[in-house]
Amino acid sequence: MEIRESYNLKESNTFGIKATAQYYAEYANVSELRQVLAWRKENCPYAPLLPIGEGSNLLFTTPTYRGLVIKAAKQSAENVMIADGGRVTVWGGVKMDEFIAWSIRHNLYGLENLSHIPGTVGASAVQNIGAYGTEVSQYIDTVRAIDVETLKERTFDKEECAYAYRDSHFKHHRHWIVTSVTYMLSPTFTPNLKYGNIASLIANQEPTAQEVREAVIAARESKLPDPKVQGNAGSFFMNPIVGIQEYNNLASEYGFVPHYPAPGSGQTKLSAAWLIEQAGWKGRALGNAAVSEKHSLILVNTGRAKGRDVVMLCKAIQNDVRNQFGIDLIPEVNFL
């Protein structure tokens, strides 16, 4: 365990924004995490603390993050702990996509539709990532986390995690750092092909889990720019959830409006991408940031963007969508 000063964060965020951390540390296990947190309490107790994964949901808006950035060290998915009945425990620093590939190889299913989403297991449990009709919380059994003040670790059951659309207990209680996640996966594969164009990408009417995974990867690659080529944080905005009457009003004015059920709410989830495109932003640039030509939900760094460039673009899009539709778009990305 090493505390580094003035650490370059450009490679630690998928937007490729130039930024520096006042302090930075990686930890390989819970014991090392406690050492890092104890160092903070002794040396800079009032400095902000920022746990990161692969940096795929971050936007640094200032040149220096004046605090301590911490990251769980990468581990191979082969270190997953398997229990009976499809229950598996995974270290928070494992890449989520590597774990999904591992689960398919070990005949444990459920997460295929989340393939190719960047980020770590720990971050996915905080964000409650989702795609193509699947949310990771559907398969989470428990979450282990450590309190940054007391340094005590405890287990949260699924109900305590308070999962909702792109939301969780951990997003609102930042003093908990996720250390590992236990999933309950199924030994029986049941494909979920109801959303997007996944079914059209599969020739086999009874596809395997690996074929579904490959179709999901192909679908994502066809419409999402590679952050190594063009910096981005994936879906920038959440899909807004509105009442049935508000949806009906939009449909009566615009005809077909892409929408999806919002389970358990009695409301409707609209496509933020469609709203942005209707507002005329797809493919448009503002300064050194732009809306992707591939997908209007993706904001990209055109090469020299600073955090404030992306913020300006975000606000311009929000204003135009609000003025045209009366709907507020909420970013998924964390502004720092």
Protein backbone atom coordinates (compact mmCIF):
# COMPACT_ATOMS: atom_id res chain seq x y z
CA MET A 1 0.00 0.00 0.00
CA GLU A 2 1.45 3.35 -1.12
CA ILE A 3 0.05 6.87 -0.87
CA ARG A 4 0.98 8.82 -4.00
CA GLU A 5 0.86 12.59 -4.37
CA SER A 6 -0.08 14.64 -7.47
CA TYR A 7 -1.24 11.50 -9.24
CA ASN A 8 -2.21 11.79 -12.92
CA LEU A 9 -5.86 10.75 -13.37
CA LYS A 10 -6.07 11.04 -17.16
CA GLU A 11 -5.86 7.26 -17.58
CA SER A 12 -8.22 6.75 -14.63
CA ASN A 13 -11.29 8.24 -16.33
CA THR A 14 -12.77 7.09 -19.62
CA PHE A 15 -13.51 10.68 -20.68
CA GLY A 16 -9.74 11.13 -20.91
CA ILE A 17 -9.97 14.42 -19.04
CA LYS A 18 -6.68 15.77 -17.71
CA ALA A 19 -6.81 15.94 -13.91
CA THR A 20 -4.58 15.29 -10.93
CA ALA A 21 -5.36 13.76 -7.55
CA GLN A 22 -3.83 15.42 -4.52
CA TYR A 23 -3.45 11.91 -3.03
CA TYR A 24 -4.00 8.48 -4.59
CA ALA A 25 -3.81 4.92 -3.28
CA GLU A 26 -4.71 1.41 -4.40
CA TYR A 27 -5.57 -1.43 -2.04
CA ALA A 28 -5.46 -5.17 -2.70
CA ASN A 29 -7.62 -6.34 0.19
CA VAL A 30 -9.72 -5.13 3.12
CA SER A 31 -6.69 -4.92 5.40
CA GLU A 32 -4.93 -2.54 3.01
CA LEU A 33 -8.11 -0.49 2.62
CA ARG A 34 -8.21 -0.04 6.38
CA GLN A 35 -4.58 1.12 6.29
CA VAL A 36 -5.41 3.72 3.63
CA LEU A 37 -8.42 4.99 5.56
CA ALA A 38 -6.43 5.12 8.79
CA TRP A 39 -3.75 7.18 6.99
CA ARG A 40 -6.44 9.62 5.86
CA LYS A 41 -7.83 9.99 9.37
CA GLU A 42 -4.38 10.79 10.69
CA ASN A 43 -3.05 13.01 7.89
CA CYS A 44 -5.99 14.67 6.13
CA PRO A 45 -9.22 13.86 7.99
CA TYR A 46 -11.22 16.59 6.28
CA ALA A 47 -10.09 15.89 2.74
CA PRO A 48 -12.75 14.50 0.41
CA LEU A 49 -12.55 10.78 -0.31
CA LEU A 50 -13.26 9.45 -3.80
CA PRO A 51 -13.46 5.69 -4.41
CA ILE A 52 -13.20 4.91 -8.14
CA GLY A 53 -13.40 1.81 -10.30
CA GLU A 54 -12.53 2.02 -13.99
CA GLY A 55 -13.48 5.72 -14.05
CA SER A 56 -16.29 5.08 -16.53
CA ASN A 57 -18.83 7.22 -14.66
CA LEU A 58 -16.70 10.23 -13.67
CA LEU A 59 -16.26 13.75 -14.98
CA PHE A 60 -13.45 15.78 -13.43
CA THR A 61 -14.44 19.44 -13.69
CA THR A 62 -11.34 20.98 -12.06
CA PRO A 63 -7.64 20.41 -12.80
CA THR A 64 -6.93 19.01 -9.32
CA TYR A 65 -9.08 16.80 -7.14
CA ARG A 66 -8.15 18.09 -3.70
CA GLY A 67 -8.62 14.95 -1.70
CA LEU A 68 -7.78 11.25 -1.63
CA VAL A 69 -8.68 9.03 -4.60
CA ILE A 70 -8.71 5.31 -3.80
CA LYS A 71 -9.12 2.29 -6.02
CA ALA A 72 -9.49 -1.45 -5.43
CA ALA A 73 -6.60 -3.21 -7.14
CA LYS A 74 -7.53 -5.34 -10.12
CA GLN A 75 -7.94 -9.04 -9.56
CA SER A 76 -8.68 -11.90 -11.91
CA ALA A 77 -12.23 -13.19 -12.03
CA GLU A 78 -10.71 -16.62 -11.42
CA ASN A 79 -10.47 -15.63 -7.74
CA VAL A 80 -14.26 -15.70 -7.42
CA MET A 81 -15.50 -17.67 -4.42
CA ILE A 82 -18.20 -20.19 -5.34
CA ALA A 83 -20.76 -21.50 -2.87
CA ASP A 84 -23.64 -23.92 -3.35
CA GLY A 85 -26.67 -23.07 -5.44
CA GLY A 86 -25.14 -20.48 -7.74
CA ARG A 87 -24.02 -18.07 -5.01
CA VAL A 88 -20.70 -16.41 -5.84
CA THR A 89 -18.69 -13.71 -4.05
CA VAL A 90 -16.53 -11.32 -6.08
CA TRP A 91 -13.89 -8.77 -5.03
CA GLY A 92 -14.95 -5.21 -5.82
CA GLY A 93 -11.90 -4.57 -8.01
CA VAL A 94 -12.74 -7.30 -10.55
CA LYS A 95 -13.86 -5.95 -13.91
CA MET A 96 -17.57 -6.60 -14.29
CA ASP A 97 -17.29 -7.78 -17.88
CA GLU A 98 -14.57 -10.28 -16.95
CA PHE A 99 -16.79 -11.64 -14.20
CA ILE A 100 -19.70 -12.04 -16.63
CA ALA A 101 -17.46 -13.98 -19.03
CA TRP A 102 -16.31 -16.11 -16.08
CA SER A 103 -19.89 -16.83 -15.00
CA ILE A 104 -20.84 -18.12 -18.46
CA ARG A 105 -17.77 -20.38 -18.56
CA HIS A 106 -18.86 -21.81 -15.20
CA ASN A 107 -22.48 -22.34 -16.31
CA LEU A 108 -23.93 -19.63 -14.08
CA TYR A 109 -26.36 -17.29 -15.79
CA GLY A 110 -28.34 -14.06 -15.55
CA LEU A 111 -25.84 -11.28 -16.26
CA GLU A 112 -25.35 -11.82 -20.02
CA ASN A 113 -27.25 -8.65 -21.03
CA LEU A 114 -24.82 -6.53 -19.00
CA SER A 115 -21.85 -7.65 -21.09
CA HIS A 116 -19.31 -5.07 -22.26
CA ILE A 117 -20.35 -2.38 -19.79
CA PRO A 118 -17.11 -0.84 -18.49
CA GLY A 119 -16.51 -0.71 -14.76
CA THR A 120 -15.83 -2.87 -11.74
CA VAL A 121 -17.98 -5.18 -9.66
CA GLY A 122 -17.93 -2.74 -6.75
CA ALA A 123 -18.96 0.25 -8.86
CA SER A 124 -21.72 -1.73 -10.57
CA ALA A 125 -23.29 -2.50 -7.19
CA VAL A 126 -23.27 1.20 -6.28
CA GLN A 127 -24.65 2.40 -9.61
CA ASN A 128 -27.05 -0.53 -10.18
CA ILE A 129 -25.99 -0.79 -13.81
CA GLY A 130 -28.52 -1.98 -16.35
CA ALA A 131 -28.94 -2.72 -20.05
CA TYR A 132 -31.27 -4.59 -22.38
CA GLY A 133 -33.90 -5.32 -19.74
CA THR A 134 -31.52 -6.46 -16.98
CA GLU A 135 -30.34 -4.65 -13.85
CA VAL A 136 -27.47 -6.04 -11.80
CA SER A 137 -29.54 -5.73 -8.61
CA GLN A 138 -31.77 -8.56 -9.86
CA TYR A 139 -28.88 -10.93 -9.15
CA ILE A 140 -27.24 -9.33 -6.12
CA ASP A 141 -27.69 -11.28 -2.89
CA THR A 142 -25.56 -9.27 -0.45
CA VAL A 143 -22.95 -6.50 -0.49
CA ARG A 144 -19.97 -6.18 1.83
CA ALA A 145 -18.81 -2.64 2.62
CA ILE A 146 -16.56 -0.81 5.05
CA ASP A 147 -17.36 2.40 6.95
CA VAL A 148 -14.67 5.03 6.27
CA GLU A 149 -14.97 6.45 9.79
CA THR A 150 -15.21 3.37 12.02
CA LEU A 151 -13.24 1.08 9.63
CA LYS A 152 -15.77 -1.64 10.42
CA GLU A 153 -17.00 -3.94 7.66
CA ARG A 154 -20.55 -5.22 7.46
CA THR A 155 -22.87 -7.10 5.12
CA PHE A 156 -25.90 -5.43 3.54
CA ASP A 157 -28.74 -7.66 2.41
CA LYS A 158 -30.53 -6.82 -0.82
CA GLU A 159 -33.34 -4.91 0.86
CA GLU A 160 -30.86 -2.74 2.77
CA CYS A 161 -29.15 -1.87 -0.51
CA ALA A 162 -32.37 -0.01 -1.49
CA TYR A 163 -31.94 -0.61 -5.20
CA ALA A 164 -33.88 1.44 -7.73
CA TYR A 165 -33.27 2.65 -11.28
CA ARG A 166 -29.54 3.60 -11.35
CA ASP A 167 -29.73 4.09 -7.62
CA SER A 168 -28.76 2.43 -4.36
CA HIS A 169 -28.19 3.05 -0.66
CA PHE A 170 -24.47 3.50 -1.39
CA LYS A 171 -25.03 6.44 -3.76
CA HIS A 172 -26.58 8.40 -0.91
CA HIS A 173 -24.36 7.18 1.93
CA ARG A 174 -20.86 7.73 0.61
CA HIS A 175 -19.17 6.72 3.86
CA TRP A 176 -19.61 3.09 2.80
CA ILE A 177 -17.06 1.60 0.38
CA VAL A 178 -18.07 -1.63 -1.32
CA THR A 179 -15.44 -4.32 -0.88
CA SER A 180 -17.17 -7.38 -2.39
CA VAL A 181 -20.49 -8.44 -3.88
CA THR A 182 -22.28 -11.78 -3.57
CA TYR A 183 -24.52 -12.76 -6.47
CA MET A 184 -27.16 -15.44 -6.77
CA LEU A 185 -26.91 -16.74 -10.32
CA SER A 186 -28.88 -19.50 -12.00
CA PRO A 187 -27.52 -22.83 -13.28
CA THR A 188 -30.32 -22.71 -15.87
CA PHE A 189 -29.99 -20.30 -18.78
CA THR A 190 -33.10 -18.35 -19.80
CA PRO A 191 -32.39 -15.77 -22.53
CA ASN A 192 -33.80 -12.25 -22.20
CA LEU A 193 -34.23 -10.97 -25.76
CA LYS A 194 -37.10 -8.52 -25.36
CA TYR A 195 -35.13 -5.28 -25.47
CA GLY A 196 -33.24 -3.49 -28.21
CA ASN A 197 -32.10 -5.35 -31.30
CA ILE A 198 -30.53 -8.30 -29.50
CA ALA A 199 -32.89 -10.92 -30.92
CA SER A 200 -32.22 -9.76 -34.49
CA LEU A 201 -28.49 -10.33 -34.02
CA ILE A 202 -28.92 -13.99 -33.12
CA ALA A 203 -29.57 -16.56 -35.83
CA ASN A 204 -30.20 -19.39 -33.39
CA GLN A 205 -33.77 -19.47 -32.08
CA GLU A 206 -32.54 -21.15 -28.91
CA PRO A 207 -29.31 -19.25 -28.28
CA THR A 208 -26.66 -20.12 -25.76
CA ALA A 209 -25.58 -17.66 -23.09
CA GLN A 210 -22.34 -17.05 -25.00
CA GLU A 211 -24.30 -16.23 -28.17
CA VAL A 212 -26.41 -13.71 -26.24
CA ARG A 213 -23.27 -12.20 -24.76
CA GLU A 214 -21.71 -11.87 -28.21
CA ALA A 215 -24.88 -10.25 -29.57
CA VAL A 216 -24.92 -7.74 -26.71
CA ILE A 217 -21.27 -6.90 -27.32
CA ALA A 218 -21.93 -6.45 -31.05
CA ALA A 219 -24.91 -4.20 -30.34
CA ARG A 220 -22.96 -2.03 -27.93
CA GLU A 221 -19.95 -1.74 -30.21
CA SER A 222 -22.15 -0.74 -33.15
CA LYS A 223 -23.51 2.33 -31.38
CA LEU A 224 -21.05 3.22 -28.62
CA PRO A 225 -17.71 4.87 -29.41
CA ASP A 226 -14.63 3.21 -27.98
CA PRO A 227 -13.44 5.42 -25.08
CA LYS A 228 -9.82 4.56 -25.99
CA VAL A 229 -10.42 6.28 -29.33
CA GLN A 230 -12.91 8.96 -28.32
CA GLY A 231 -13.23 9.69 -24.61
CA ASN A 232 -16.70 9.17 -23.16
CA ALA A 233 -18.50 7.82 -20.11
CA GLY A 234 -21.12 5.73 -21.85
CA SER A 235 -24.72 6.78 -21.25
CA PHE A 236 -24.48 10.31 -19.93
CA PHE A 237 -28.12 10.81 -18.90
CA MET A 238 -30.65 8.58 -17.19
CA ASN A 239 -33.84 7.74 -19.05
CA PRO A 240 -36.51 9.99 -17.50
CA ILE A 241 -39.50 8.37 -15.80
CA VAL A 242 -42.84 10.13 -16.29
CA GLY A 243 -46.50 9.57 -15.49
CA ILE A 244 -48.78 7.82 -17.95
CA GLN A 245 -50.65 11.04 -18.73
CA GLU A 246 -47.43 12.90 -19.47
CA TYR A 247 -46.41 10.13 -21.85
CA ASN A 248 -49.85 10.19 -23.54
CA ASN A 249 -49.54 13.95 -24.04
CA LEU A 250 -46.16 13.48 -25.73
CA ALA A 251 -47.43 10.61 -27.88
CA SER A 252 -50.43 12.65 -29.05
CA GLU A 253 -48.12 15.45 -30.19
CA TYR A 254 -45.18 13.46 -31.60
CA GLY A 255 -46.75 10.17 -32.61
CA PHE A 256 -44.47 7.29 -31.73
CA VAL A 257 -42.40 8.04 -28.62
CA PRO A 258 -39.97 5.26 -27.56
CA HIS A 259 -40.86 4.15 -24.06
CA TYR A 260 -40.45 1.23 -21.68
CA PRO A 261 -42.24 0.07 -18.54
CA ALA A 262 -40.83 1.35 -15.25
CA PRO A 263 -41.37 -1.75 -13.08
CA GLY A 264 -43.08 -1.20 -9.76
CA SER A 265 -43.80 2.48 -10.32
CA GLY A 266 -46.91 2.55 -12.49
CA GLN A 267 -45.04 5.02 -14.68
CA THR A 268 -43.27 5.02 -18.04
CA LYS A 269 -39.58 5.30 -18.85
CA LEU A 270 -38.79 7.49 -21.85
CA SER A 271 -35.74 7.28 -24.09
CA ALA A 272 -33.35 10.10 -23.20
CA ALA A 273 -31.55 9.42 -26.48
CA TRP A 274 -34.75 10.09 -28.46
CA LEU A 275 -35.43 13.32 -26.57
CA ILE A 276 -31.89 14.55 -27.23
CA GLU A 277 -32.10 13.65 -30.91
CA GLN A 278 -35.48 15.37 -31.29
CA ALA A 279 -33.95 18.47 -29.70
CA GLY A 280 -31.40 18.47 -32.53
CA TRP A 281 -28.26 17.55 -30.63
CA LYS A 282 -27.18 14.25 -32.19
CA GLY A 283 -23.73 14.69 -33.75
CA ARG A 284 -23.46 18.35 -32.69
CA ALA A 285 -20.44 19.83 -30.94
CA LEU A 286 -20.09 22.64 -28.45
CA GLY A 287 -16.49 23.68 -27.99
CA ASN A 288 -14.33 20.59 -27.47
CA ALA A 289 -17.19 18.29 -26.48
CA ALA A 290 -19.85 16.77 -28.69
CA VAL A 291 -22.83 14.44 -28.85
CA SER A 292 -21.79 11.21 -30.54
CA GLU A 293 -22.90 10.63 -34.12
CA LYS A 294 -23.42 6.98 -33.19
CA HIS A 295 -25.73 7.49 -30.22
CA SER A 296 -27.22 10.71 -28.88
CA LEU A 297 -26.97 9.53 -25.26
CA ILE A 298 -23.16 9.59 -25.47
CA LEU A 299 -21.22 12.81 -24.90
CA VAL A 300 -17.65 12.63 -26.17
CA ASN A 301 -14.32 14.36 -25.74
CA THR A 302 -13.35 15.43 -29.24
CA GLY A 303 -9.71 15.45 -28.23
CA ARG A 304 -8.90 18.44 -26.06
CA ALA A 305 -11.96 18.77 -23.85
CA LYS A 306 -11.77 19.89 -20.26
CA GLY A 307 -14.41 18.98 -17.73
CA ARG A 308 -16.07 22.36 -18.06
CA ASP A 309 -16.55 21.79 -21.82
CA VAL A 310 -18.59 18.67 -21.12
CA VAL A 311 -20.55 20.49 -18.39
CA MET A 312 -21.43 23.30 -20.82
CA LEU A 313 -22.64 20.78 -23.39
CA CYS A 314 -24.63 18.92 -20.74
CA LYS A 315 -26.40 22.10 -19.62
CA ALA A 316 -27.18 23.16 -23.19
CA ILE A 317 -28.80 19.80 -23.90
CA GLN A 318 -30.75 19.91 -20.64
CA ASN A 319 -32.05 23.39 -21.41
CA ASP A 320 -33.20 22.48 -24.93
CA VAL A 321 -34.91 19.26 -23.85
CA ARG A 322 -36.62 21.08 -20.96
CA ASN A 323 -37.81 23.88 -23.25
CA GLN A 324 -39.14 21.50 -25.90
CA PHE A 325 -40.60 18.72 -23.77
CA GLY A 326 -40.83 20.05 -20.22
CA ILE A 327 -38.67 17.13 -19.05
CA ASP A 328 -35.52 17.33 -16.94
CA LEU A 329 -32.65 15.10 -17.95
CA ILE A 330 -30.55 13.90 -14.99
CA PRO A 331 -26.93 12.90 -15.61
CA GLU A 332 -25.76 9.40 -14.69
CA VAL A 333 -22.20 10.70 -14.61
CA ASN A 334 -20.76 12.02 -11.35
CA PHE A 335 -19.40 15.58 -11.62
CA LEU A 336 -16.29 16.13 -9.49
